[in-house]
Protein backbone atom coordinates (compact mmCIF):
# COMPACT_ATOMS: atom_id res chain seq x y z
CA UNK A 1 -24.94 -8.46 14.35
CA UNK A 2 -21.90 -7.02 12.63
CA UNK A 3 -20.70 -3.84 13.98
CA UNK A 4 -20.02 -0.71 11.68
CA UNK A 5 -17.79 2.09 12.10
CA UNK A 6 -17.21 4.93 10.39
CA UNK A 7 -14.38 7.23 9.75
CA UNK A 8 -15.11 10.89 10.12
CA UNK A 9 -13.00 13.64 8.95
CA UNK A 10 -14.97 16.42 10.79
CA UNK A 11 -17.85 17.16 13.14
CA UNK A 12 -20.22 17.37 10.00
CA UNK A 13 -19.24 13.76 8.87
CA UNK A 14 -19.29 12.29 12.29
CA UNK A 15 -22.90 13.82 12.73
CA UNK A 16 -24.21 12.16 9.56
CA UNK A 17 -22.55 8.68 10.69
CA UNK A 18 -24.41 9.25 14.26
CA UNK A 19 -27.64 9.92 12.51
CA UNK A 20 -27.04 7.02 9.93
CA UNK A 21 -27.04 4.53 12.84
CA UNK A 22 -23.23 4.06 12.75
CA UNK A 23 -21.79 2.09 16.07
CA UNK A 24 -18.89 3.64 16.38
CA UNK A 25 -16.88 6.82 14.86
CA UNK A 26 -13.46 6.82 14.19
CA UNK A 27 -12.33 10.41 14.29
CA UNK A 28 -9.48 12.32 12.16
CA UNK A 29 -8.41 14.99 10.62
CA UNK A 30 -6.58 15.32 7.05
CA UNK A 31 -8.42 12.80 4.53
CA UNK A 32 -5.83 13.60 1.95
CA UNK A 33 -3.16 12.07 4.40
CA UNK A 34 -5.17 9.06 5.69
CA UNK A 35 -5.87 10.67 8.76
CA UNK A 36 -4.22 12.73 11.68
CA UNK A 37 -4.92 13.41 15.21
CA UNK A 38 -8.18 15.85 15.36
CA UNK A 39 -8.53 19.07 17.05
CA UNK A 40 -9.68 19.00 20.91
CA UNK A 41 -12.74 21.05 19.79
CA UNK A 42 -13.64 18.69 17.25
CA UNK A 43 -13.31 15.87 19.68
CA UNK A 44 -15.51 17.17 22.30
CA UNK A 45 -18.09 18.26 20.02
CA UNK A 46 -18.23 14.72 18.65
CA UNK A 47 -18.61 13.25 22.10
CA UNK A 48 -21.40 15.12 22.88
CA UNK A 49 -23.21 13.17 19.93
CA UNK A 50 -25.53 10.44 21.66
CA UNK A 51 -25.82 6.63 20.89
CA UNK A 52 -22.33 5.94 19.28
CA UNK A 53 -18.89 5.11 20.45
CA UNK A 54 -15.78 7.63 19.82
CA UNK A 55 -12.38 6.50 18.93
CA UNK A 56 -9.94 9.12 18.03
CA UNK A 57 -6.73 8.64 15.96
CA UNK A 58 -3.41 9.30 17.50
CA UNK A 59 -1.36 10.07 14.55
CA UNK A 60 1.01 13.31 14.53
CA UNK A 61 1.45 13.75 10.74
CA UNK A 62 1.13 11.86 7.25
CA UNK A 63 3.38 9.36 5.93
CA UNK A 64 5.30 6.72 7.00
CA UNK A 65 4.52 5.05 10.80
CA UNK A 66 8.02 5.71 11.75
CA UNK A 67 8.24 8.11 14.67
CA UNK A 68 10.75 10.35 15.86
CA UNK A 69 11.26 10.49 19.79
CA UNK A 70 9.35 14.12 19.80
CA UNK A 71 6.28 12.60 17.91
CA UNK A 72 6.28 9.91 20.05
CA UNK A 73 5.93 12.38 23.01
CA UNK A 74 3.42 13.76 21.11
CA UNK A 75 1.02 10.94 20.69
CA UNK A 76 1.68 10.18 24.48
CA UNK A 77 0.16 13.60 24.91
CA UNK A 78 -2.66 13.13 22.47
CA UNK A 79 -3.85 10.08 24.12
CA UNK A 80 -3.75 11.96 27.43
CA UNK A 81 -5.92 14.86 25.91
CA UNK A 82 -8.14 12.45 24.30
CA UNK A 83 -8.44 10.35 27.39
CA UNK A 84 -9.72 14.03 29.50
CA UNK A 85 -11.96 14.31 26.58
CA UNK A 86 -13.76 11.11 27.49
CA UNK A 87 -13.25 9.20 24.01
CA UNK A 88 -14.00 5.37 24.11
CA UNK A 89 -10.98 4.40 22.28
CA UNK A 90 -7.86 5.43 20.58
CA UNK A 91 -6.32 4.38 17.28
CA UNK A 92 -2.72 4.30 16.36
CA UNK A 93 0.00 2.35 14.72
CA UNK A 94 3.87 2.18 14.69
CA UNK A 95 6.61 0.45 12.62
CA UNK A 96 10.02 -0.08 13.01
CA UNK A 97 12.27 0.40 9.76
CA UNK A 98 12.50 -2.96 8.74
CA UNK A 99 8.51 -2.69 8.74
CA UNK A 100 8.02 -4.92 11.58
CA UNK A 101 5.43 -3.81 14.58
CA UNK A 102 7.32 -1.31 17.10
CA UNK A 103 6.47 -3.71 19.86
CA UNK A 104 8.07 -1.55 22.75
CA UNK A 105 6.74 1.91 21.85
CA UNK A 106 3.24 0.43 21.14
CA UNK A 107 3.20 -1.26 24.55
CA UNK A 108 3.93 2.02 25.91
CA UNK A 109 0.98 3.78 24.14
CA UNK A 110 -1.10 0.88 24.96
CA UNK A 111 -0.25 1.35 28.57
CA UNK A 112 -1.01 5.32 28.47
CA UNK A 113 -4.60 4.40 26.99
CA UNK A 114 -5.26 1.89 29.64
CA UNK A 115 -9.14 1.78 30.17
CA UNK A 116 -9.79 2.61 26.53
CA UNK A 117 -10.31 0.52 23.65
CA UNK A 118 -7.38 0.30 21.28
CA UNK A 119 -7.12 0.04 17.71
CA UNK A 120 -3.80 -0.79 15.57
CA UNK A 121 -4.77 1.06 12.24
CA UNK A 122 -3.81 0.42 8.69
CA UNK A 123 -0.02 0.58 9.33
CA UNK A 124 -0.84 -2.80 9.60
CA UNK A 125 -1.21 -3.29 5.84
CA UNK A 126 2.45 -1.84 5.62
CA UNK A 127 4.09 -4.93 8.08
CA UNK A 128 6.12 -7.37 6.64
CA UNK A 129 4.87 -10.98 7.47
CA UNK A 130 1.18 -9.97 8.48
CA UNK A 131 0.89 -13.26 10.87
CA UNK A 132 4.00 -12.24 13.16
CA UNK A 133 2.44 -8.39 13.12
CA UNK A 134 -0.73 -9.85 14.28
CA UNK A 135 1.16 -11.56 17.17
CA UNK A 136 3.15 -8.61 17.72
CA UNK A 137 -0.02 -6.19 17.95
CA UNK A 138 -1.93 -8.84 20.28
CA UNK A 139 1.20 -9.33 22.70
CA UNK A 140 1.46 -5.20 22.61
CA UNK A 141 -2.30 -5.38 24.45
CA UNK A 142 -4.20 -3.63 21.52
CA UNK A 143 -7.57 -5.10 21.06
CA UNK A 144 -8.17 -4.88 17.34
CA UNK A 145 -6.66 -4.35 14.26
CA UNK A 146 -7.88 -2.16 11.25
CA UNK A 147 -6.99 -3.98 8.02
CA UNK A 148 -7.64 -4.51 4.36
CA UNK A 149 -6.11 -7.70 4.31
CA UNK A 150 -2.95 -5.84 2.92
CA UNK A 151 -4.64 -5.42 -0.33
CA UNK A 152 -6.32 -2.33 -2.06
CA UNK A 153 -9.21 -3.01 -0.65
CA UNK A 154 -11.15 -5.50 1.80
CA UNK A 155 -12.95 -7.52 -0.68
CA UNK A 156 -9.86 -8.31 -2.54
CA UNK A 157 -7.81 -8.90 0.81
CA UNK A 158 -10.80 -11.14 2.02
CA UNK A 159 -8.63 -14.39 1.88
CA UNK A 160 -5.86 -12.88 4.19
CA UNK A 161 -8.62 -11.35 6.33
CA UNK A 162 -10.07 -14.85 7.10
CA UNK A 163 -6.73 -16.24 7.90
CA UNK A 164 -6.05 -13.30 10.49
CA UNK A 165 -9.65 -13.76 11.89
CA UNK A 166 -8.95 -17.87 12.49
CA UNK A 167 -5.38 -16.80 13.85
CA UNK A 168 -6.61 -13.87 16.23
CA UNK A 169 -9.43 -16.06 17.54
CA UNK A 170 -10.88 -14.19 20.67
CA UNK A 171 -7.73 -12.34 21.31
CA UNK A 172 -8.06 -9.57 18.89
CA UNK A 173 -10.73 -8.31 16.71
CA UNK A 174 -10.20 -7.78 13.08
CA UNK A 175 -11.65 -4.73 11.70
CA UNK A 176 -12.38 -5.09 8.03
CA UNK A 177 -11.69 -1.76 6.19
CA UNK A 178 -10.63 -0.40 2.57
CA UNK A 179 -13.08 0.41 -0.19
CA UNK A 180 -16.12 -1.07 1.90
CA UNK A 181 -19.64 -0.21 0.54
CA UNK A 182 -23.18 -0.90 0.43
CA UNK A 183 -22.63 -3.39 -2.54
CA UNK A 184 -19.70 -5.31 -1.16
CA UNK A 185 -20.00 -5.46 2.71
CA UNK A 186 -21.83 -8.42 2.98
CA UNK A 187 -19.71 -10.57 0.77
CA UNK A 188 -16.53 -9.07 2.75
CA UNK A 189 -18.19 -10.40 6.00
CA UNK A 190 -19.24 -13.67 4.43
CA UNK A 191 -15.79 -14.21 2.80
CA UNK A 192 -13.55 -13.36 5.69
CA UNK A 193 -15.71 -13.89 8.88
CA UNK A 194 -14.98 -10.39 10.22
CA UNK A 195 -17.68 -9.05 12.75
CA UNK A 196 -16.51 -5.56 12.56
CA UNK A 197 -16.31 -3.44 9.45
CA UNK A 198 -15.08 0.28 8.89
CA UNK A 199 -16.10 2.35 5.98
CA UNK A 200 -15.74 6.13 4.87
CA UNK A 201 -19.16 5.98 2.71
CA UNK A 202 -18.35 9.55 1.80
CA UNK A 203 -20.13 12.04 -0.04
CA UNK A 204 -19.77 15.67 -0.61
CA UNK A 205 -21.87 18.35 0.55
CA UNK A 206 -21.68 21.25 -1.79
CA UNK A 207 -21.11 24.72 -0.39
CA UNK A 208 -23.40 27.68 0.36
CA UNK A 209 -20.97 30.12 -1.30
CA UNK A 210 -22.69 32.17 -3.81
CA UNK A 211 -19.57 33.58 -5.00
CA UNK A 212 -17.03 30.24 -6.36
CA UNK A 213 -13.51 30.22 -5.79
CA UNK A 214 -11.04 31.02 -8.59
CA UNK A 215 -8.90 28.29 -9.85
CA UNK A 216 -6.29 28.87 -7.26
CA UNK A 217 -5.61 25.13 -5.21
CA UNK A 218 -5.05 25.77 -1.68
CA UNK A 219 -3.67 22.46 -0.73
CA UNK A 220 -3.26 18.76 -2.69
CA UNK A 221 -6.11 18.83 -5.56
CA UNK A 222 -8.74 16.72 -4.07
CA UNK A 223 -11.30 14.37 -5.95
CA UNK A 224 -14.18 16.80 -5.43
CA UNK A 225 -14.65 20.39 -6.04
CA UNK A 226 -12.23 22.62 -4.14
CA UNK A 227 -15.03 24.27 -1.94
CA UNK A 228 -17.12 21.15 -1.60
CA UNK A 229 -17.26 19.54 1.90
CA UNK A 230 -16.40 15.71 2.43
CA UNK A 231 -18.85 14.27 4.71
CA UNK A 232 -20.03 10.90 5.22
CA UNK A 233 -23.19 10.13 3.15
CA UNK A 234 -26.15 9.52 5.86
CA UNK A 235 -28.55 7.72 3.24
CA UNK A 236 -25.14 5.46 2.53
CA UNK A 237 -24.39 4.86 6.31
CA UNK A 238 -28.12 3.95 6.93
CA UNK A 239 -28.13 1.47 4.23
CA UNK A 240 -25.15 -0.39 5.52
CA UNK A 241 -26.29 -0.22 8.98
CA UNK A 242 -29.88 -1.88 7.95
CA UNK A 243 -27.79 -4.42 6.05
CA UNK A 244 -25.93 -5.26 8.58
CA UNK A 245 -28.79 -5.59 10.94
CA UNK A 246 -29.94 -8.33 8.73
CA UNK A 247 -26.83 -10.60 9.24
CA UNK A 248 -26.60 -13.19 12.04
CA UNK A 249 -23.83 -12.78 14.69
CA UNK A 250 -21.09 -14.62 12.89
CA UNK A 251 -21.85 -13.72 9.41
């Protein structure tokens, strides 16, 4: 049966994912920046949720994936903190200025994460020459690659996803992410052959505030009400989980 990973940007979102039947949670913060390293308190709280694997994003900031020496040291420390908190895996991605995988530094992070599952995240979708990038990720010791097939969404990227699945064989899992939803997940799996999918399946939890805020932006304008709380939609998670249970292993 294909595996379902839900990206969660808060404890509330992780709880909804767990209740909906997700197999694994990728825990992040800062949805507007594509995910950064979550705080220790959140990691510890989510770790207490039963029956679900926990992978934690290791990303010190938004923007590109070319990190300074100081940022790299932060990543090493964040892996140690995540390990101490009892996570099952970590998620990171590093590129060089020429958009190739930073093999040396990726190897160092993999070594720091020894004993944990390691996912090379969607920095892969900014990498030049995806076939060469996959070989570098495998050489570094990563266990999976999260990718949309270098396309706006995983359905559009399914042809490259299928090529990557064949190239990786049993050496590395290909985790399809990007626009995955109940209406397209089965088709993505059928076309690509992936056995792991990654989705946000986001909804918005309305505020319980009785007085609504004035028209004052406190950050980048989100695509939901400013005082709404973005969380995984438990019903959508449950729908995708049920659909995946109905699919045979191997798609």
